[in-house]
Amino acid sequence: MLLDLSIMKHKDFQHTRKTVLASASDVACAEVVHTTNRYHWRLVGQRYDVMSWAPDKRNYHEIKGTLNRDYSRQFPNKLRQGETWIAEVLLEKLPLILPGVTLYMSPNDQSSMPYAHLMG
């Protein structure tokens, strides 16, 4: 099988295309794994693998019961005084890694815990 043209033209693949595969017009590949949202091909004779992920199209707001009701405290609005360490670690990074996601914490006091579970 030949590697799909959309992968060959993808901006993330361009460096490999220009360096390792510069003389190739087509690239033979073998499918390793194909799941709902992930594709994995091995380039024949190249010692390279290519992986591609499709966005998850499920709407979690429409799936009943997806949020665990044990996580009822909205983060960071309802932190206890000893839980400020969680906000210090996460607040700067959250907009970058989880934009637009509202996180919730369990009602248990996380002040002396070595880690915190949040859900969103």
Foldseek 3Di string as FASTA:
>chain_A
DWDDPCCLPDPVCVVCCVPVVVPDPIWDWDWDDDDPFKTWIHTPPRRDIDMGGDDDPDDVVPDPPPDDVQFPAWPPPDADPLPVVVCVVPVVCCCVPPNPDIKTFGPDHCNPPPDGDIDD
